[in-house]
């Protein structure tokens, strides 16, 4: 029996380029959430007031993320305070929503969770805990959420060894999952109604996820990859351990459960 499912997963992207000239492509791809850098006004990769206005015209939901050098969060509380002030002031200057969280990016492989959490607590002393999000590996996000150092979690697949955290509201994937948008981007699974977005966009149109052949243990290919995507949106994160396009044991278990 072929597996045919319909669902309405929301698609997100994060990128370091101004998206103003690519909004039609985002519309065609069904991207509803755009995650952009804040905190370094004037830098080419940071969000501008003009881009905010353009994104709003296309009903896109905006999420802000702060990042400096890869290991900046390891500097602890003081780094978090400075980052929060810079990001907050930038968002204020471009007409953003000052009630929504800012994600702070730990973009490296580290087990120094104490330093990362201290940085987040520093940010919380400026913004309030409810406005602090964490981006990082499975363990970085897991620990920050468990310790209460962040209210929102955005996990990258990097340094996560195939594990996906169910409590993370955003999952950053790899590859051009949403097609050619005309610029480089990372695709993101938007896994909750509230991911800290500035503006609530319209409800997404359900997109059919259709598998056109019978699938069995050991199968490979794009149909399996499509099925994995659907299962992961339902919370079956362990299917990723089988590989991106392999119908393995974890996929069998999830299929039986569904």
Protein backbone atom coordinates (compact mmCIF):
# COMPACT_ATOMS: atom_id res chain seq x y z
CA UNK A 1 0.00 0.00 0.00
CA UNK A 2 1.35 3.43 -0.90
CA UNK A 3 1.75 5.93 1.90
CA UNK A 4 -0.15 9.14 1.21
CA UNK A 5 -0.45 11.89 3.79
CA UNK A 6 -1.49 15.54 3.82
CA UNK A 7 -0.14 18.02 6.33
CA UNK A 8 0.66 21.69 6.60
CA UNK A 9 4.23 21.98 7.87
CA UNK A 10 5.44 25.55 7.94
CA UNK A 11 8.65 26.25 6.12
CA UNK A 12 11.33 28.60 7.35
CA UNK A 13 14.71 29.77 6.18
CA UNK A 14 17.69 31.50 7.75
CA UNK A 15 20.20 33.37 5.66
CA UNK A 16 22.81 36.13 5.68
CA UNK A 17 21.52 38.01 2.63
CA UNK A 18 18.85 40.65 2.17
CA UNK A 19 15.75 38.83 0.96
CA UNK A 20 13.95 41.87 -0.47
CA UNK A 21 14.55 40.89 -4.10
CA UNK A 22 13.67 37.22 -3.52
CA UNK A 23 10.26 37.45 -1.91
CA UNK A 24 8.39 36.09 -4.93
CA UNK A 25 10.60 33.01 -4.77
CA UNK A 26 9.84 32.64 -1.05
CA UNK A 27 6.13 32.89 -1.83
CA UNK A 28 6.35 30.19 -4.50
CA UNK A 29 8.29 27.90 -2.17
CA UNK A 30 5.75 28.32 0.61
CA UNK A 31 8.24 29.84 3.04
CA UNK A 32 6.41 31.63 5.84
CA UNK A 33 9.15 32.28 8.43
CA UNK A 34 12.34 34.22 7.68
CA UNK A 35 15.12 34.24 10.28
CA UNK A 36 17.55 37.11 9.94
CA UNK A 37 20.54 38.51 11.79
CA UNK A 38 20.27 41.48 14.14
CA UNK A 39 22.66 43.39 16.36
CA UNK A 40 25.20 44.67 13.84
CA UNK A 41 23.42 47.49 11.98
CA UNK A 42 25.17 48.50 8.79
CA UNK A 43 26.61 45.05 8.13
CA UNK A 44 25.45 43.57 4.85
CA UNK A 45 24.13 40.40 6.45
CA UNK A 46 21.92 42.14 9.03
CA UNK A 47 18.25 43.00 8.77
CA UNK A 48 17.24 46.51 7.64
CA UNK A 49 14.07 48.55 8.00
CA UNK A 50 13.50 48.27 4.25
CA UNK A 51 13.70 44.48 4.36
CA UNK A 52 11.33 44.38 7.34
CA UNK A 53 8.79 46.43 5.38
CA UNK A 54 9.15 44.19 2.32
CA UNK A 55 8.75 41.02 4.36
CA UNK A 56 5.62 42.41 6.00
CA UNK A 57 4.10 43.22 2.61
CA UNK A 58 4.51 39.55 1.72
CA UNK A 59 3.07 38.42 5.08
CA UNK A 60 6.30 36.82 6.23
CA UNK A 61 6.96 36.14 9.88
CA UNK A 62 10.34 37.47 11.04
CA UNK A 63 12.62 36.00 13.68
CA UNK A 64 15.78 37.71 14.92
CA UNK A 65 19.07 35.99 15.69
CA UNK A 66 22.30 37.45 17.07
CA UNK A 67 25.70 36.00 16.28
CA UNK A 68 29.27 37.27 16.47
CA UNK A 69 32.45 35.18 16.18
CA UNK A 70 31.74 31.46 16.49
CA UNK A 71 32.86 31.19 20.12
CA UNK A 72 31.48 34.50 21.35
CA UNK A 73 29.04 32.92 23.82
CA UNK A 74 31.87 31.23 25.71
CA UNK A 75 32.80 34.67 27.08
CA UNK A 76 29.83 34.32 29.43
CA UNK A 77 27.52 36.79 31.10
CA UNK A 78 29.14 40.00 29.92
CA UNK A 79 28.97 38.88 26.29
CA UNK A 80 25.28 38.13 26.71
CA UNK A 81 24.55 41.55 28.18
CA UNK A 82 26.35 43.35 25.35
CA UNK A 83 24.71 41.18 22.68
CA UNK A 84 21.22 41.68 24.08
CA UNK A 85 21.63 45.45 24.18
CA UNK A 86 22.97 45.57 20.64
CA UNK A 87 20.24 43.32 19.24
CA UNK A 88 17.44 45.10 21.11
CA UNK A 89 18.59 48.53 19.96
CA UNK A 90 18.92 47.34 16.36
CA UNK A 91 15.41 45.88 16.36
CA UNK A 92 14.06 49.11 17.81
CA UNK A 93 15.78 51.14 15.09
CA UNK A 94 14.31 49.09 12.24
CA UNK A 95 10.76 48.99 13.58
CA UNK A 96 10.78 45.41 14.87
CA UNK A 97 8.76 43.91 17.70
CA UNK A 98 10.44 44.54 21.03
CA UNK A 99 8.26 42.01 22.84
CA UNK A 100 9.53 38.98 20.93
CA UNK A 101 12.55 36.80 21.71
CA UNK A 102 15.97 37.02 20.15
CA UNK A 103 17.92 33.85 19.47
CA UNK A 104 21.57 33.86 20.47
CA UNK A 105 23.68 31.63 18.27
CA UNK A 106 26.22 29.17 19.64
CA UNK A 107 27.61 28.23 16.25
CA UNK A 108 30.31 25.75 17.26
CA UNK A 109 30.78 22.33 18.82
CA UNK A 110 31.16 22.83 22.56
CA UNK A 111 30.45 21.09 25.84
CA UNK A 112 31.04 24.27 27.86
CA UNK A 113 27.36 24.57 28.65
CA UNK A 114 28.01 26.62 31.77
CA UNK A 115 29.55 29.45 29.76
CA UNK A 116 26.77 29.34 27.17
CA UNK A 117 24.09 29.44 29.84
CA UNK A 118 25.87 32.29 31.65
CA UNK A 119 25.77 34.23 28.39
CA UNK A 120 22.05 33.57 28.09
CA UNK A 121 21.43 34.66 31.67
CA UNK A 122 23.30 37.86 30.88
CA UNK A 123 20.99 38.44 27.93
CA UNK A 124 17.98 37.70 30.14
CA UNK A 125 19.07 40.40 32.59
CA UNK A 126 18.55 42.91 29.76
CA UNK A 127 15.60 41.42 27.88
CA UNK A 128 13.82 39.25 30.41
CA UNK A 129 13.89 35.45 30.27
CA UNK A 130 10.88 35.17 27.95
CA UNK A 131 12.80 37.05 25.24
CA UNK A 132 15.82 34.75 25.17
CA UNK A 133 16.26 31.95 22.63
CA UNK A 134 19.19 29.65 21.99
CA UNK A 135 20.53 28.32 18.68
CA UNK A 136 22.98 25.46 18.75
CA UNK A 137 23.57 21.73 18.73
CA UNK A 138 21.24 19.18 20.28
CA UNK A 139 23.06 19.26 23.63
CA UNK A 140 23.56 23.03 23.75
CA UNK A 141 19.84 23.60 23.22
CA UNK A 142 18.81 20.72 25.47
CA UNK A 143 20.85 21.97 28.42
CA UNK A 144 19.83 25.61 28.01
CA UNK A 145 16.13 24.73 27.96
CA UNK A 146 16.46 22.30 30.85
CA UNK A 147 18.31 24.84 33.00
CA UNK A 148 15.81 27.58 32.18
CA UNK A 149 18.47 29.74 30.56
CA UNK A 150 16.38 30.10 27.39
CA UNK A 151 12.67 30.10 26.64
CA UNK A 152 12.99 29.07 22.98
CA UNK A 153 15.19 26.49 21.30
CA UNK A 154 16.40 26.35 17.70
CA UNK A 155 18.49 23.28 16.98
CA UNK A 156 20.96 22.77 14.17
CA UNK A 157 21.72 19.34 12.84
CA UNK A 158 25.43 20.16 13.08
CA UNK A 159 27.28 18.50 15.96
CA UNK A 160 24.05 16.70 16.91
CA UNK A 161 24.96 13.23 15.57
CA UNK A 162 21.54 12.56 14.09
CA UNK A 163 19.56 13.44 17.23
CA UNK A 164 16.71 15.95 17.10
CA UNK A 165 15.28 17.64 20.18
CA UNK A 166 11.49 17.52 20.35
CA UNK A 167 11.40 20.60 22.60
CA UNK A 168 13.12 22.74 19.98
CA UNK A 169 10.59 24.88 18.11
CA UNK A 170 12.89 25.23 15.09
CA UNK A 171 15.07 22.63 13.40
CA UNK A 172 17.76 23.85 11.02
CA UNK A 173 18.31 21.40 8.19
CA UNK A 174 20.80 21.29 5.32
CA UNK A 175 20.52 21.42 1.57
CA UNK A 176 18.10 23.29 -0.65
CA UNK A 177 14.99 21.56 0.67
CA UNK A 178 12.70 24.38 -0.47
CA UNK A 179 14.22 24.56 -3.94
CA UNK A 180 16.28 27.22 -5.69
CA UNK A 181 15.38 30.56 -4.11
CA UNK A 182 18.09 32.55 -5.89
CA UNK A 183 20.39 32.79 -2.86
CA UNK A 184 22.07 30.59 -0.29
CA UNK A 185 19.97 29.64 2.71
CA UNK A 186 19.46 27.01 5.37
CA UNK A 187 16.00 25.43 5.46
CA UNK A 188 14.22 25.28 8.81
CA UNK A 189 11.34 23.17 10.04
CA UNK A 190 8.93 25.45 11.92
CA UNK A 191 7.61 23.13 14.61
CA UNK A 192 5.36 25.35 16.71
CA UNK A 193 2.82 28.11 16.25
CA UNK A 194 4.99 30.38 18.40
CA UNK A 195 8.66 30.42 17.47
CA UNK A 196 9.19 34.01 18.54
CA UNK A 197 8.11 35.57 15.24
CA UNK A 198 7.40 39.28 15.04
CA UNK A 199 4.31 39.08 12.87
CA UNK A 200 1.78 36.31 12.54
CA UNK A 201 1.32 35.39 8.90
CA UNK A 202 -1.65 33.67 7.28
CA UNK A 203 -2.23 29.97 7.88
CA UNK A 204 -0.20 27.86 5.44
CA UNK A 205 -1.92 26.04 2.63
CA UNK A 206 -1.76 22.27 3.25
CA UNK A 207 0.88 20.70 1.05
CA UNK A 208 0.43 17.09 -0.01
CA UNK A 209 3.25 14.75 0.91
CA UNK A 210 2.72 11.83 -1.45
CA UNK A 211 4.75 8.65 -1.65
CA UNK A 212 4.19 7.01 -5.03
CA UNK A 213 5.50 3.51 -4.33
CA UNK A 214 5.41 0.88 -1.60
CA UNK A 215 8.20 1.34 0.95
CA UNK A 216 9.92 -1.43 2.86
CA UNK A 217 12.97 -2.00 5.03
CA UNK A 218 16.18 -1.23 3.13
CA UNK A 219 14.61 1.06 0.53
CA UNK A 220 16.43 4.26 -0.40
CA UNK A 221 15.72 7.36 -2.43
CA UNK A 222 13.77 10.61 -2.55
CA UNK A 223 10.47 8.95 -1.57
CA UNK A 224 12.05 7.78 1.68
CA UNK A 225 13.49 11.25 2.25
CA UNK A 226 10.01 12.73 1.77
CA UNK A 227 8.52 10.22 4.19
CA UNK A 228 11.24 10.98 6.76
CA UNK A 229 10.38 14.68 6.53
CA UNK A 230 6.73 13.96 7.27
CA UNK A 231 7.56 11.67 10.20
CA UNK A 232 9.95 14.22 11.71
CA UNK A 233 7.30 16.92 11.52
CA UNK A 234 5.12 14.58 13.59
CA UNK A 235 7.90 14.29 16.17
CA UNK A 236 9.56 11.02 15.17
CA UNK A 237 13.06 12.47 15.27
CA UNK A 238 14.89 9.12 15.50
CA UNK A 239 14.19 8.31 11.84
CA UNK A 240 17.11 10.64 11.06
CA UNK A 241 19.41 8.01 12.58
CA UNK A 242 18.60 5.74 9.64
CA UNK A 243 20.12 8.28 7.23
CA UNK A 244 18.46 10.93 5.11
CA UNK A 245 17.11 8.52 2.50
CA UNK A 246 17.18 5.08 4.13
CA UNK A 247 14.10 3.14 5.26
CA UNK A 248 15.74 1.58 8.32
CA UNK A 249 14.70 0.19 11.67
CA UNK A 250 13.77 3.53 13.21
CA UNK A 251 11.58 4.32 10.21
CA UNK A 252 9.83 0.95 10.60
CA UNK A 253 9.12 1.66 14.27
CA UNK A 254 7.70 5.09 13.50
CA UNK A 255 5.56 3.69 10.68
CA UNK A 256 4.05 1.05 12.95
CA UNK A 257 3.31 3.71 15.57
CA UNK A 258 1.64 6.00 13.05
